[in-house]
Amino acid sequence: EEDEEELGEAEARQFRAGAARANYMALDRPDCSFAAKELCRRMAAPTRRDLAELRRVAQYLLGEPRVVYHFGWQADGEIIRAFVDTDFAGCSETRRSTSGGCMLRGSHLVKHWSTTQKTVTMSSGEAELAGVVKGAGEGLGFLGLCDDLEAPSTLQVHTDSAAAIGICKRSGIG
């Protein structure tokens, strides 16, 4: 019960500032993007438990203070690969799923995401399909950017869900 107590205005302001910083850092830190997303979902009415979760993220970042990316030289025409996965009904309160993924051009990470799905899905296959659609949409957007930069490429979307793969392979009404 004490954990569910809402924070006072001053503490809530500090929580929001910390969550916003975590969200900003998550742009370059795939390792904390899910945690930052969950913190930002709590910004409207933060509780003591949310503040404790923010402290855990801060402690993690103190232990892992730097991320250094090294982008080695690659040949033109590398394939864009999107890897997607979904946590079916991961939120115990809303029963919404979280879709996550990353996109690589060759061996370079060019984008990552962790988003809560807008709808409540009825099965893990449906949730995984929504994740595949999200990954394909992100990939097509990146392909458009590649075309604008005159570096055409092709897209591959990878998932571990047999149900989503089966649905994606269907053609026609069947």
Protein backbone atom coordinates (compact mmCIF):
# COMPACT_ATOMS: atom_id res chain seq x y z
CA GLU A 1 0.00 0.00 0.00
CA GLU A 2 2.84 2.38 0.83
CA ASP A 3 4.38 1.71 -2.60
CA GLU A 4 1.14 2.81 -4.31
CA GLU A 5 1.13 6.20 -2.54
CA GLU A 6 1.35 9.05 -5.06
CA LEU A 7 4.33 11.36 -4.83
CA GLY A 8 4.07 14.96 -3.68
CA GLU A 9 4.41 17.72 -6.26
CA ALA A 10 8.14 18.31 -5.68
CA GLU A 11 8.99 14.59 -5.80
CA ALA A 12 6.74 14.09 -8.84
CA ARG A 13 8.59 16.90 -10.63
CA GLN A 14 11.93 15.21 -9.84
CA PHE A 15 10.58 11.86 -11.02
CA ARG A 16 9.39 13.37 -14.30
CA ALA A 17 12.76 15.02 -14.85
CA GLY A 18 14.56 11.73 -14.20
CA ALA A 19 12.20 9.76 -16.44
CA ALA A 20 12.65 12.33 -19.22
CA ARG A 21 16.43 12.03 -18.92
CA ALA A 22 16.19 8.25 -19.06
CA ASN A 23 14.00 8.54 -22.16
CA TYR A 24 16.57 10.86 -23.78
CA MET A 25 19.41 8.45 -22.98
CA ALA A 26 17.38 5.52 -24.34
CA LEU A 27 17.71 6.96 -27.85
CA ASP A 28 21.33 5.81 -27.84
CA ARG A 29 21.09 3.05 -25.24
CA PRO A 30 19.09 0.00 -26.38
CA ASP A 31 19.88 -1.65 -23.04
CA CYS A 32 17.65 0.78 -21.13
CA SER A 33 14.95 1.64 -23.69
CA PHE A 34 12.33 -0.71 -22.19
CA ALA A 35 12.92 0.62 -18.67
CA ALA A 36 12.71 4.22 -19.90
CA LYS A 37 9.47 3.47 -21.74
CA GLU A 38 7.94 2.01 -18.59
CA LEU A 39 9.05 5.01 -16.52
CA CYS A 40 7.52 7.44 -19.00
CA ARG A 41 4.20 5.57 -18.85
CA ARG A 42 4.03 6.53 -15.16
CA MET A 43 4.65 10.28 -15.56
CA ALA A 44 1.02 11.33 -15.09
CA ALA A 45 0.70 10.02 -11.53
CA PRO A 46 4.01 8.67 -10.21
CA THR A 47 4.07 6.56 -7.05
CA ARG A 48 6.73 5.54 -4.54
CA ARG A 49 7.22 2.27 -6.46
CA ASP A 50 7.86 4.24 -9.67
CA LEU A 51 10.48 6.33 -7.86
CA ALA A 52 12.18 3.13 -6.70
CA GLU A 53 12.20 1.87 -10.30
CA LEU A 54 13.80 5.14 -11.44
CA ARG A 55 16.50 4.63 -8.79
CA ARG A 56 17.16 1.12 -10.14
CA VAL A 57 17.64 2.53 -13.65
CA ALA A 58 20.00 5.19 -12.27
CA GLN A 59 22.01 2.54 -10.39
CA TYR A 60 22.27 0.46 -13.57
CA LEU A 61 23.51 3.46 -15.53
CA LEU A 62 26.10 4.20 -12.84
CA GLY A 63 27.43 0.67 -13.27
CA GLU A 64 27.37 0.90 -17.08
CA PRO A 65 28.23 4.58 -17.66
CA ARG A 66 29.34 4.50 -21.30
CA VAL A 67 28.35 2.96 -24.56
CA VAL A 68 30.75 3.40 -27.44
CA TYR A 69 29.63 2.55 -30.95
CA HIS A 70 32.18 1.65 -33.57
CA PHE A 71 30.93 1.64 -37.15
CA GLY A 72 33.41 -0.18 -39.33
CA TRP A 73 33.51 0.25 -43.09
CA GLN A 74 30.93 -1.78 -44.99
CA ALA A 75 30.25 -2.44 -48.64
CA ASP A 76 27.33 -0.76 -50.42
CA GLY A 77 24.05 -2.61 -50.80
CA GLU A 78 23.98 -4.23 -47.38
CA ILE A 79 20.66 -5.85 -46.49
CA ILE A 80 18.46 -4.13 -43.91
CA ARG A 81 17.46 -6.70 -41.28
CA ALA A 82 14.75 -6.02 -38.71
CA PHE A 83 14.53 -8.34 -35.71
CA VAL A 84 11.26 -8.20 -33.78
CA ASP A 85 9.80 -9.84 -30.70
CA THR A 86 6.76 -9.30 -28.53
CA ASP A 87 5.98 -9.77 -24.84
CA PHE A 88 2.37 -11.00 -24.89
CA ALA A 89 0.22 -9.25 -22.24
CA GLY A 90 3.35 -8.08 -20.44
CA CYS A 91 1.63 -5.28 -18.54
CA SER A 92 -0.21 -6.85 -15.60
CA GLU A 93 -2.54 -3.84 -15.24
CA THR A 94 -3.67 -3.22 -18.84
CA ARG A 95 -2.81 -6.65 -20.34
CA ARG A 96 -1.18 -4.85 -23.29
CA SER A 97 1.79 -6.34 -25.06
CA THR A 98 5.15 -4.71 -25.70
CA SER A 99 6.79 -4.92 -29.11
CA GLY A 100 10.51 -4.51 -29.37
CA GLY A 101 12.99 -4.72 -32.13
CA CYS A 102 16.14 -3.53 -33.76
CA MET A 103 17.19 -2.78 -37.30
CA LEU A 104 20.64 -3.45 -38.69
CA ARG A 105 22.27 -2.40 -41.94
CA GLY A 106 24.94 -5.01 -42.36
CA SER A 107 26.46 -5.20 -38.89
CA HIS A 108 25.50 -1.66 -37.84
CA LEU A 109 22.61 -1.01 -35.46
CA VAL A 110 20.66 1.86 -37.02
CA LYS A 111 17.43 1.82 -35.00
CA HIS A 112 15.82 0.14 -32.01
CA TRP A 113 12.42 0.43 -30.38
CA SER A 114 10.33 -0.73 -27.46
CA THR A 115 6.66 0.25 -27.67
CA THR A 116 3.48 -0.69 -25.88
CA GLN A 117 0.89 -1.92 -28.36
CA LYS A 118 -2.22 0.25 -28.67
CA THR A 119 -4.73 -2.60 -28.47
CA VAL A 120 -5.18 -5.54 -26.13
CA THR A 121 -4.47 -8.67 -28.16
CA MET A 122 -6.29 -11.93 -27.57
CA SER A 123 -3.43 -14.34 -28.31
CA SER A 124 0.33 -14.44 -28.49
CA GLY A 125 0.13 -14.99 -32.26
CA GLU A 126 -1.90 -11.81 -32.68
CA ALA A 127 0.56 -9.88 -30.51
CA GLU A 128 3.52 -11.27 -32.47
CA LEU A 129 1.82 -10.33 -35.75
CA ALA A 130 1.43 -6.75 -34.51
CA GLY A 131 5.15 -6.77 -33.68
CA VAL A 132 6.05 -8.02 -37.16
CA VAL A 133 3.88 -5.32 -38.73
CA LYS A 134 5.61 -2.69 -36.57
CA GLY A 135 9.03 -4.00 -37.61
CA ALA A 136 8.06 -4.09 -41.28
CA GLY A 137 6.75 -0.54 -41.06
CA GLU A 138 9.96 0.70 -39.46
CA GLY A 139 11.97 -1.17 -42.10
CA LEU A 140 9.99 0.27 -45.00
CA GLY A 141 10.48 3.75 -43.58
CA PHE A 142 14.22 3.16 -43.40
CA LEU A 143 14.24 1.79 -46.96
CA GLY A 144 12.63 5.04 -48.09
CA LEU A 145 15.43 6.95 -46.38
CA CYS A 146 18.01 4.72 -48.09
CA ASP A 147 16.39 5.42 -51.47
CA ASP A 148 16.48 9.17 -50.79
CA LEU A 149 20.20 8.88 -50.05
CA GLU A 150 20.69 6.86 -53.26
CA ALA A 151 21.77 3.77 -51.33
CA PRO A 152 19.05 1.27 -52.29
CA SER A 153 18.76 -1.87 -50.23
CA THR A 154 16.40 -4.74 -49.47
CA LEU A 155 14.55 -5.59 -46.26
CA GLN A 156 14.33 -8.81 -44.25
CA VAL A 157 12.11 -9.07 -41.17
CA HIS A 158 12.99 -11.78 -38.64
CA THR A 159 10.77 -13.15 -35.86
CA ASP A 160 10.72 -16.27 -33.72
CA SER A 161 6.94 -16.68 -33.85
CA ALA A 162 5.67 -19.55 -35.99
CA ALA A 163 2.12 -18.15 -35.81
CA ALA A 164 3.15 -14.72 -37.11
CA ILE A 165 5.25 -16.29 -39.88
CA GLY A 166 2.30 -18.47 -40.91
CA ILE A 167 -0.06 -15.50 -41.03
CA CYS A 168 2.42 -13.43 -43.04
CA LYS A 169 2.85 -16.21 -45.61
CA ARG A 170 -0.87 -16.43 -46.34
CA SER A 171 -2.12 -14.95 -49.58
CA GLY A 172 -5.62 -14.05 -50.70
CA ILE A 173 -8.69 -14.36 -48.53
CA GLY A 174 -7.61 -17.73 -47.07
